[in-house]
Amino acid sequence: MNVTPSIIRCEFIGTTGKVFKSSHQGNAGISGKIICETRNTFTILQEGKEKVVPKGSSVFHFEFSDGTIVEINGKLLIGRPEDRLKKRIRRLW
């Protein structure tokens, strides 16, 4: 997978995700399959339990189907998934 700034337009439901850092220490380290996404949260299925993690205060590692692991700041992902397609992407580098 080609890692570009447009990676935030990808569909995250069904991918493997891990909360790498979070302002809430209880959320750091949660990993599993993303099963639901709302405007401000991801729901991660971890060991048969659903964990709801806020996007804005977390940094995520996502593993895509081809094995690519990408680190994304959750602040870039805030918004409904269908509205992220319309969002203008600013280059950060």
C-alpha atoms as a PDB file:
ATOM      1  CA  MET A   1       0.000   0.000   0.000  1.00  0.00           C
ATOM      2  CA  ASN A   2       1.255   3.440  -0.890  1.00  0.00           C
ATOM      3  CA  VAL A   3       1.346   5.599   2.244  1.00  0.00           C
ATOM      4  CA  THR A   4       0.309   9.144   1.341  1.00  0.00           C
ATOM      5  CA  PRO A   5      -1.613  11.906   3.133  1.00  0.00           C
ATOM      6  CA  SER A   6      -4.789  10.555   1.524  1.00  0.00           C
ATOM      7  CA  ILE A   7      -4.538   7.529   3.858  1.00  0.00           C
ATOM      8  CA  ILE A   8      -7.050   9.284   6.141  1.00  0.00           C
ATOM      9  CA  ARG A   9      -9.690   8.687   3.457  1.00  0.00           C
ATOM     10  CA  CYS A  10      -9.386   4.905   3.851  1.00  0.00           C
ATOM     11  CA  GLU A  11     -12.046   2.689   5.376  1.00  0.00           C
ATOM     12  CA  PHE A  12     -10.888   1.607   8.831  1.00  0.00           C
ATOM     13  CA  ILE A  13     -13.716  -0.790   9.712  1.00  0.00           C
ATOM     14  CA  GLY A  14     -12.337  -4.308   9.478  1.00  0.00           C
ATOM     15  CA  THR A  15      -8.690  -3.344   9.892  1.00  0.00           C
ATOM     16  CA  THR A  16      -6.546  -4.223  12.875  1.00  0.00           C
ATOM     17  CA  GLY A  17      -5.924  -1.201  15.072  1.00  0.00           C
ATOM     18  CA  LYS A  18      -3.925  -0.440  18.174  1.00  0.00           C
ATOM     19  CA  VAL A  19      -4.058   2.590  20.449  1.00  0.00           C
ATOM     20  CA  PHE A  20      -0.397   3.554  20.543  1.00  0.00           C
ATOM     21  CA  LYS A  21      -0.730   6.633  22.781  1.00  0.00           C
ATOM     22  CA  SER A  22      -3.661   8.212  24.547  1.00  0.00           C
ATOM     23  CA  SER A  23      -4.230  10.997  27.045  1.00  0.00           C
ATOM     24  CA  HIS A  24      -6.245   8.436  29.032  1.00  0.00           C
ATOM     25  CA  GLN A  25      -3.741   5.826  30.221  1.00  0.00           C
ATOM     26  CA  GLY A  26      -6.405   3.104  30.357  1.00  0.00           C
ATOM     27  CA  ASN A  27      -6.866   3.301  26.583  1.00  0.00           C
ATOM     28  CA  ALA A  28      -3.193   2.977  25.657  1.00  0.00           C
ATOM     29  CA  GLY A  29      -2.418  -0.522  24.411  1.00  0.00           C
ATOM     30  CA  ILE A  30      -5.944  -1.510  23.371  1.00  0.00           C
ATOM     31  CA  SER A  31      -5.699  -3.503  20.160  1.00  0.00           C
ATOM     32  CA  GLY A  32      -8.010  -5.552  17.990  1.00  0.00           C
ATOM     33  CA  LYS A  33     -10.318  -5.304  15.024  1.00  0.00           C
ATOM     34  CA  ILE A  34     -12.150  -2.037  14.341  1.00  0.00           C
ATOM     35  CA  ILE A  35     -15.849  -2.946  14.263  1.00  0.00           C
ATOM     36  CA  CYS A  36     -17.543   0.464  14.335  1.00  0.00           C
ATOM     37  CA  GLU A  37     -16.647   4.076  13.685  1.00  0.00           C
ATOM     38  CA  THR A  38     -18.580   7.169  14.686  1.00  0.00           C
ATOM     39  CA  ARG A  39     -17.735  10.843  14.392  1.00  0.00           C
ATOM     40  CA  ASN A  40     -15.546  10.902  17.501  1.00  0.00           C
ATOM     41  CA  THR A  41     -14.875   7.258  18.419  1.00  0.00           C
ATOM     42  CA  PHE A  42     -13.647   3.881  17.234  1.00  0.00           C
ATOM     43  CA  THR A  43     -15.099   0.683  18.675  1.00  0.00           C
ATOM     44  CA  ILE A  44     -12.406  -1.991  18.920  1.00  0.00           C
ATOM     45  CA  LEU A  45     -13.159  -5.680  19.512  1.00  0.00           C
ATOM     46  CA  GLN A  46     -10.516  -6.915  21.967  1.00  0.00           C
ATOM     47  CA  GLU A  47     -10.735 -10.475  23.288  1.00  0.00           C
ATOM     48  CA  GLY A  48     -14.501 -10.610  22.749  1.00  0.00           C
ATOM     49  CA  LYS A  49     -15.163  -7.279  24.474  1.00  0.00           C
ATOM     50  CA  GLU A  50     -16.014  -4.020  22.760  1.00  0.00           C
ATOM     51  CA  LYS A  51     -13.866  -1.050  23.773  1.00  0.00           C
ATOM     52  CA  VAL A  52     -14.821   2.484  22.735  1.00  0.00           C
ATOM     53  CA  VAL A  53     -11.829   4.764  22.184  1.00  0.00           C
ATOM     54  CA  PRO A  54     -12.046   8.517  21.471  1.00  0.00           C
ATOM     55  CA  LYS A  55     -10.226   9.607  18.316  1.00  0.00           C
ATOM     56  CA  GLY A  56      -9.187  13.109  19.367  1.00  0.00           C
ATOM     57  CA  SER A  57      -6.980  12.160  22.287  1.00  0.00           C
ATOM     58  CA  SER A  58      -5.287   9.101  20.780  1.00  0.00           C
ATOM     59  CA  VAL A  59      -2.613   8.050  18.312  1.00  0.00           C
ATOM     60  CA  PHE A  60      -3.385   4.852  16.403  1.00  0.00           C
ATOM     61  CA  HIS A  61      -1.417   2.169  14.580  1.00  0.00           C
ATOM     62  CA  PHE A  62      -3.441   0.546  11.793  1.00  0.00           C
ATOM     63  CA  GLU A  63      -2.422  -2.653  10.007  1.00  0.00           C
ATOM     64  CA  PHE A  64      -3.898  -2.987   6.530  1.00  0.00           C
ATOM     65  CA  SER A  65      -4.516  -6.201   4.595  1.00  0.00           C
ATOM     66  CA  ASP A  66      -1.143  -6.061   2.811  1.00  0.00           C
ATOM     67  CA  GLY A  67       0.758  -5.870   6.125  1.00  0.00           C
ATOM     68  CA  THR A  68       1.462  -2.140   6.041  1.00  0.00           C
ATOM     69  CA  ILE A  69       1.414  -0.521   9.494  1.00  0.00           C
ATOM     70  CA  VAL A  70       0.610   3.200   9.603  1.00  0.00           C
ATOM     71  CA  GLU A  71       0.640   5.578  12.571  1.00  0.00           C
ATOM     72  CA  ILE A  72      -2.109   8.213  12.434  1.00  0.00           C
ATOM     73  CA  ASN A  73      -2.987  10.931  14.915  1.00  0.00           C
ATOM     74  CA  GLY A  74      -6.668  10.589  15.812  1.00  0.00           C
ATOM     75  CA  LYS A  75      -7.229  14.350  15.463  1.00  0.00           C
ATOM     76  CA  LEU A  76      -6.909  13.880  11.686  1.00  0.00           C
ATOM     77  CA  LEU A  77      -9.651  11.239  11.753  1.00  0.00           C
ATOM     78  CA  ILE A  78     -12.324  13.218  13.600  1.00  0.00           C
ATOM     79  CA  GLY A  79     -15.484  13.380  11.555  1.00  0.00           C
ATOM     80  CA  ARG A  80     -17.953  10.961  10.064  1.00  0.00           C
ATOM     81  CA  PRO A  81     -16.326   8.407   7.764  1.00  0.00           C
ATOM     82  CA  GLU A  82     -18.421   9.511   4.796  1.00  0.00           C
ATOM     83  CA  ASP A  83     -17.437  13.162   5.333  1.00  0.00           C
ATOM     84  CA  ARG A  84     -13.717  12.386   5.381  1.00  0.00           C
ATOM     85  CA  LEU A  85     -13.937  11.681   1.646  1.00  0.00           C
ATOM     86  CA  LYS A  86     -14.911  15.311   1.034  1.00  0.00           C
ATOM     87  CA  LYS A  87     -12.277  16.742   3.366  1.00  0.00           C
ATOM     88  CA  ARG A  88      -9.392  18.716   1.918  1.00  0.00           C
ATOM     89  CA  ILE A  89      -6.086  17.241   2.924  1.00  0.00           C
ATOM     90  CA  ARG A  90      -3.340  19.589   4.075  1.00  0.00           C
ATOM     91  CA  ARG A  91       0.191  18.395   3.696  1.00  0.00           C
ATOM     92  CA  LEU A  92       1.910  18.338   7.062  1.00  0.00           C
ATOM     93  CA  TRP A  93       5.437  18.125   5.658  1.00  0.00           C
END
